[in-house]
Amino acid sequence: MSTSFELPYIVFFKKIEQDPDFFNYFNLSSDEALGLAKERACGYLKDSISKLTLSCTPDVSFYDFDDTLAEFNFDLTSSEITLLGSLMFEFYLERDIAKLRVYRENLTAQDLKQIHSPANERKTFVDMFTKVQTDNDKKIRAYASRNRLTGARKKIIHSLYQESDV
């Protein structure tokens, strides 16, 4: 009973398949490039696990994994695989947000105009990133509100107590 890291990687790689820079590296064979891409994806996966566990209290410990075998020590559900892949995409985009900030701080407006017309592209990218974050937050809330195996909604139990005079 285990799930390979490959499964969330596949979801993530499908989201970024149009980015040749992520998969192509100078002077590396295809296998070496894929190995490096998986290494980078592993970092995004671990960031995703941190965000998920900080945002909710999952029914399982996502930190229960074997780094050497690159697998979780339990079976992930298909919704968990999809959620982790979506969170990995968010962290991938977040790196580009950091690059946008560096461009903005190091280049003048005239420099940026000579490179390309950045205003619209930056706004569109930031809007897309914000939408991905919002969608992922909704996915986390939906995940946290359901039983991971059955999909049934969790019940909220309120405990009422009365103080007694002792």
C-alpha atoms as a PDB file:
ATOM      1  CA  MET A   1       0.000   0.000   0.000  1.00  0.00           C
ATOM      2  CA  SER A   2       1.838   3.023  -1.306  1.00  0.00           C
ATOM      3  CA  THR A   3       1.541   5.693  -3.963  1.00  0.00           C
ATOM      4  CA  SER A   4       4.456   6.820  -6.068  1.00  0.00           C
ATOM      5  CA  PHE A   5       5.313  10.516  -6.254  1.00  0.00           C
ATOM      6  CA  GLU A   6       4.978   9.971 -10.024  1.00  0.00           C
ATOM      7  CA  LEU A   7       1.181  10.250  -9.846  1.00  0.00           C
ATOM      8  CA  PRO A   8       1.061  13.873  -8.586  1.00  0.00           C
ATOM      9  CA  TYR A   9       3.997  14.627 -10.926  1.00  0.00           C
ATOM     10  CA  ILE A  10       1.907  13.493 -13.907  1.00  0.00           C
ATOM     11  CA  VAL A  11      -0.933  15.855 -12.951  1.00  0.00           C
ATOM     12  CA  PHE A  12       1.577  18.677 -12.521  1.00  0.00           C
ATOM     13  CA  PHE A  13       3.482  17.938 -15.750  1.00  0.00           C
ATOM     14  CA  LYS A  14       0.227  18.008 -17.730  1.00  0.00           C
ATOM     15  CA  LYS A  15      -0.416  21.513 -16.401  1.00  0.00           C
ATOM     16  CA  ILE A  16       3.002  22.782 -17.511  1.00  0.00           C
ATOM     17  CA  GLU A  17       3.623  20.711 -20.641  1.00  0.00           C
ATOM     18  CA  GLN A  18       3.791  23.882 -22.765  1.00  0.00           C
ATOM     19  CA  ASP A  19       6.786  25.201 -20.800  1.00  0.00           C
ATOM     20  CA  PRO A  20       9.854  23.936 -22.678  1.00  0.00           C
ATOM     21  CA  ASP A  21      12.230  25.498 -20.134  1.00  0.00           C
ATOM     22  CA  PHE A  22      11.038  23.165 -17.411  1.00  0.00           C
ATOM     23  CA  PHE A  23      11.843  20.027 -19.402  1.00  0.00           C
ATOM     24  CA  ASN A  24      14.807  21.044 -21.586  1.00  0.00           C
ATOM     25  CA  TYR A  25      18.257  21.591 -20.158  1.00  0.00           C
ATOM     26  CA  PHE A  26      21.452  22.447 -21.994  1.00  0.00           C
ATOM     27  CA  ASN A  27      23.784  19.482 -22.605  1.00  0.00           C
ATOM     28  CA  LEU A  28      21.549  16.915 -20.888  1.00  0.00           C
ATOM     29  CA  SER A  29      20.026  13.803 -22.395  1.00  0.00           C
ATOM     30  CA  SER A  30      16.247  13.359 -22.321  1.00  0.00           C
ATOM     31  CA  ASP A  31      16.526  10.972 -19.374  1.00  0.00           C
ATOM     32  CA  GLU A  32      18.781  13.360 -17.442  1.00  0.00           C
ATOM     33  CA  ALA A  33      16.441  16.273 -18.188  1.00  0.00           C
ATOM     34  CA  LEU A  34      13.428  14.275 -17.013  1.00  0.00           C
ATOM     35  CA  GLY A  35      15.327  13.323 -13.841  1.00  0.00           C
ATOM     36  CA  LEU A  36      16.056  16.998 -13.163  1.00  0.00           C
ATOM     37  CA  ALA A  37      12.421  17.916 -13.875  1.00  0.00           C
ATOM     38  CA  LYS A  38      11.289  15.253 -11.375  1.00  0.00           C
ATOM     39  CA  GLU A  39      13.768  16.580  -8.815  1.00  0.00           C
ATOM     40  CA  ARG A  40      12.305  20.058  -9.184  1.00  0.00           C
ATOM     41  CA  ALA A  41       8.774  18.617  -9.065  1.00  0.00           C
ATOM     42  CA  CYS A  42       9.645  16.879  -5.791  1.00  0.00           C
ATOM     43  CA  GLY A  43      10.372  20.285  -4.260  1.00  0.00           C
ATOM     44  CA  TYR A  44       6.984  21.547  -5.435  1.00  0.00           C
ATOM     45  CA  LEU A  45       5.349  18.411  -4.034  1.00  0.00           C
ATOM     46  CA  LYS A  46       6.872  18.976  -0.602  1.00  0.00           C
ATOM     47  CA  ASP A  47       5.790  22.636  -0.676  1.00  0.00           C
ATOM     48  CA  SER A  48       2.291  21.425  -1.569  1.00  0.00           C
ATOM     49  CA  ILE A  49       2.238  18.999   1.334  1.00  0.00           C
ATOM     50  CA  SER A  50       3.208  21.825   3.675  1.00  0.00           C
ATOM     51  CA  LYS A  51       0.468  24.111   2.368  1.00  0.00           C
ATOM     52  CA  LEU A  52      -2.145  21.362   2.560  1.00  0.00           C
ATOM     53  CA  THR A  53      -1.275  20.375   6.127  1.00  0.00           C
ATOM     54  CA  LEU A  54      -1.106  24.000   7.267  1.00  0.00           C
ATOM     55  CA  SER A  55      -4.470  24.782   5.642  1.00  0.00           C
ATOM     56  CA  CYS A  56      -6.405  21.845   7.073  1.00  0.00           C
ATOM     57  CA  THR A  57      -6.033  18.738   9.191  1.00  0.00           C
ATOM     58  CA  PRO A  58      -6.010  15.825   6.766  1.00  0.00           C
ATOM     59  CA  ASP A  59      -7.170  12.387   7.877  1.00  0.00           C
ATOM     60  CA  VAL A  60      -3.702  11.012   7.002  1.00  0.00           C
ATOM     61  CA  SER A  61      -0.188  12.335   7.439  1.00  0.00           C
ATOM     62  CA  PHE A  62       1.089  13.460   4.064  1.00  0.00           C
ATOM     63  CA  TYR A  63       4.537  13.516   5.652  1.00  0.00           C
ATOM     64  CA  ASP A  64       4.391   9.718   5.817  1.00  0.00           C
ATOM     65  CA  PHE A  65       6.564   9.158   2.752  1.00  0.00           C
ATOM     66  CA  ASP A  66       9.831   7.530   1.787  1.00  0.00           C
ATOM     67  CA  ASP A  67      12.196   9.968   0.080  1.00  0.00           C
ATOM     68  CA  THR A  68      14.465   7.195  -1.135  1.00  0.00           C
ATOM     69  CA  LEU A  69      11.668   5.296  -2.874  1.00  0.00           C
ATOM     70  CA  ALA A  70       9.857   8.547  -3.802  1.00  0.00           C
ATOM     71  CA  GLU A  71       6.521   7.269  -2.583  1.00  0.00           C
ATOM     72  CA  PHE A  72       3.902   7.837   0.062  1.00  0.00           C
ATOM     73  CA  ASN A  73       3.572   5.038   2.601  1.00  0.00           C
ATOM     74  CA  PHE A  74      -0.198   4.907   2.023  1.00  0.00           C
ATOM     75  CA  ASP A  75      -2.557   4.986  -0.929  1.00  0.00           C
ATOM     76  CA  LEU A  76      -3.531   8.446  -2.112  1.00  0.00           C
ATOM     77  CA  THR A  77      -7.051   8.885  -3.438  1.00  0.00           C
ATOM     78  CA  SER A  78      -7.507  10.294  -6.928  1.00  0.00           C
ATOM     79  CA  SER A  79      -8.764  13.577  -5.451  1.00  0.00           C
ATOM     80  CA  GLU A  80      -5.622  13.846  -3.288  1.00  0.00           C
ATOM     81  CA  ILE A  81      -3.410  13.220  -6.320  1.00  0.00           C
ATOM     82  CA  THR A  82      -5.248  15.918  -8.272  1.00  0.00           C
ATOM     83  CA  LEU A  83      -5.138  18.336  -5.334  1.00  0.00           C
ATOM     84  CA  LEU A  84      -1.390  17.871  -4.854  1.00  0.00           C
ATOM     85  CA  GLY A  85      -0.782  18.359  -8.595  1.00  0.00           C
ATOM     86  CA  SER A  86      -2.827  21.577  -8.529  1.00  0.00           C
ATOM     87  CA  LEU A  87      -0.919  22.861  -5.510  1.00  0.00           C
ATOM     88  CA  MET A  88       2.365  22.005  -7.227  1.00  0.00           C
ATOM     89  CA  PHE A  89       1.252  24.152 -10.187  1.00  0.00           C
ATOM     90  CA  GLU A  90       0.556  27.034  -7.801  1.00  0.00           C
ATOM     91  CA  PHE A  91       4.082  26.832  -6.388  1.00  0.00           C
ATOM     92  CA  TYR A  92       5.495  26.612  -9.910  1.00  0.00           C
ATOM     93  CA  LEU A  93       3.671  29.841 -10.839  1.00  0.00           C
ATOM     94  CA  GLU A  94       4.723  31.480  -7.589  1.00  0.00           C
ATOM     95  CA  ARG A  95       8.365  31.261  -8.703  1.00  0.00           C
ATOM     96  CA  ASP A  96       7.454  33.350 -11.764  1.00  0.00           C
ATOM     97  CA  ILE A  97       5.697  35.905  -9.568  1.00  0.00           C
ATOM     98  CA  ALA A  98       9.028  36.345  -7.778  1.00  0.00           C
ATOM     99  CA  LYS A  99      10.734  36.879 -11.168  1.00  0.00           C
ATOM    100  CA  LEU A 100       8.186  39.565 -12.060  1.00  0.00           C
ATOM    101  CA  ARG A 101       9.080  41.414  -8.870  1.00  0.00           C
ATOM    102  CA  VAL A 102      12.793  41.259  -9.724  1.00  0.00           C
ATOM    103  CA  TYR A 103      12.125  42.656 -13.208  1.00  0.00           C
ATOM    104  CA  ARG A 104      10.028  45.443 -11.737  1.00  0.00           C
ATOM    105  CA  GLU A 105      12.719  46.401  -9.221  1.00  0.00           C
ATOM    106  CA  ASN A 106      15.761  46.150 -11.503  1.00  0.00           C
ATOM    107  CA  LEU A 107      14.444  47.600 -14.753  1.00  0.00           C
ATOM    108  CA  THR A 108      12.949  50.965 -15.523  1.00  0.00           C
ATOM    109  CA  ALA A 109       9.609  51.267 -17.287  1.00  0.00           C
ATOM    110  CA  GLN A 110      11.448  52.196 -20.505  1.00  0.00           C
ATOM    111  CA  ASP A 111      13.663  49.079 -20.212  1.00  0.00           C
ATOM    112  CA  LEU A 112      10.603  46.892 -19.809  1.00  0.00           C
ATOM    113  CA  LYS A 113       8.901  48.453 -22.850  1.00  0.00           C
ATOM    114  CA  GLN A 114      11.940  47.620 -24.980  1.00  0.00           C
ATOM    115  CA  ILE A 115      11.777  43.970 -23.897  1.00  0.00           C
ATOM    116  CA  HIS A 116       8.030  43.691 -24.489  1.00  0.00           C
ATOM    117  CA  SER A 117       4.869  45.442 -23.509  1.00  0.00           C
ATOM    118  CA  PRO A 118       4.754  44.143 -19.938  1.00  0.00           C
ATOM    119  CA  ALA A 119       1.802  45.814 -18.291  1.00  0.00           C
ATOM    120  CA  ASN A 120      -0.915  43.646 -19.798  1.00  0.00           C
ATOM    121  CA  GLU A 121       1.122  40.439 -19.644  1.00  0.00           C
ATOM    122  CA  ARG A 122       2.045  40.967 -15.993  1.00  0.00           C
ATOM    123  CA  LYS A 123      -1.535  41.773 -15.037  1.00  0.00           C
ATOM    124  CA  THR A 124      -2.844  38.744 -16.921  1.00  0.00           C
ATOM    125  CA  PHE A 125      -0.250  36.483 -15.287  1.00  0.00           C
ATOM    126  CA  VAL A 126      -0.917  37.859 -11.795  1.00  0.00           C
ATOM    127  CA  ASP A 127      -4.675  37.472 -12.353  1.00  0.00           C
ATOM    128  CA  MET A 128      -4.155  33.863 -13.462  1.00  0.00           C
ATOM    129  CA  PHE A 129      -1.950  33.161 -10.433  1.00  0.00           C
ATOM    130  CA  THR A 130      -4.549  34.687  -8.109  1.00  0.00           C
ATOM    131  CA  LYS A 131      -7.251  32.532  -9.708  1.00  0.00           C
ATOM    132  CA  VAL A 132      -5.136  29.391  -9.256  1.00  0.00           C
ATOM    133  CA  GLN A 133      -4.603  30.293  -5.586  1.00  0.00           C
ATOM    134  CA  THR A 134      -8.316  30.911  -5.059  1.00  0.00           C
ATOM    135  CA  ASP A 135      -9.267  27.680  -6.818  1.00  0.00           C
ATOM    136  CA  ASN A 136      -6.736  25.721  -4.762  1.00  0.00           C
ATOM    137  CA  ASP A 137      -8.033  27.219  -1.524  1.00  0.00           C
ATOM    138  CA  LYS A 138     -11.554  26.098  -2.524  1.00  0.00           C
ATOM    139  CA  LYS A 139     -10.223  22.617  -3.349  1.00  0.00           C
ATOM    140  CA  ILE A 140      -8.519  22.397   0.056  1.00  0.00           C
ATOM    141  CA  ARG A 141     -11.726  23.429   1.844  1.00  0.00           C
ATOM    142  CA  ALA A 142     -13.725  20.901  -0.167  1.00  0.00           C
ATOM    143  CA  TYR A 143     -11.149  18.196   0.581  1.00  0.00           C
ATOM    144  CA  ALA A 144     -11.114  19.007   4.296  1.00  0.00           C
ATOM    145  CA  SER A 145     -14.908  18.830   4.502  1.00  0.00           C
ATOM    146  CA  ARG A 146     -15.160  15.262   3.178  1.00  0.00           C
ATOM    147  CA  ASN A 147     -14.092  11.809   4.259  1.00  0.00           C
ATOM    148  CA  ARG A 148     -11.041  11.053   2.113  1.00  0.00           C
ATOM    149  CA  LEU A 149     -12.113   7.484   1.323  1.00  0.00           C
ATOM    150  CA  THR A 150     -15.883   7.676   0.982  1.00  0.00           C
ATOM    151  CA  GLY A 151     -16.303  11.286  -0.110  1.00  0.00           C
ATOM    152  CA  ALA A 152     -19.104  11.710   2.435  1.00  0.00           C
ATOM    153  CA  ARG A 153     -19.380  15.123   4.014  1.00  0.00           C
ATOM    154  CA  LYS A 154     -17.988  15.319   7.516  1.00  0.00           C
ATOM    155  CA  LYS A 155     -20.374  16.261  10.272  1.00  0.00           C
ATOM    156  CA  ILE A 156     -19.561  19.090  12.592  1.00  0.00           C
ATOM    157  CA  ILE A 157     -20.282  18.167  16.148  1.00  0.00           C
ATOM    158  CA  HIS A 158     -20.806  20.972  18.574  1.00  0.00           C
ATOM    159  CA  SER A 159     -20.306  20.094  22.183  1.00  0.00           C
ATOM    160  CA  LEU A 160     -22.357  22.064  24.590  1.00  0.00           C
ATOM    161  CA  TYR A 161     -21.410  21.999  28.194  1.00  0.00           C
ATOM    162  CA  GLN A 162     -22.720  23.546  31.304  1.00  0.00           C
ATOM    163  CA  GLU A 163     -20.692  24.601  34.203  1.00  0.00           C
ATOM    164  CA  SER A 164     -21.797  22.941  37.332  1.00  0.00           C
ATOM    165  CA  ASP A 165     -21.500  24.318  40.757  1.00  0.00           C
ATOM    166  CA  VAL A 166     -19.091  22.252  42.717  1.00  0.00           C
END
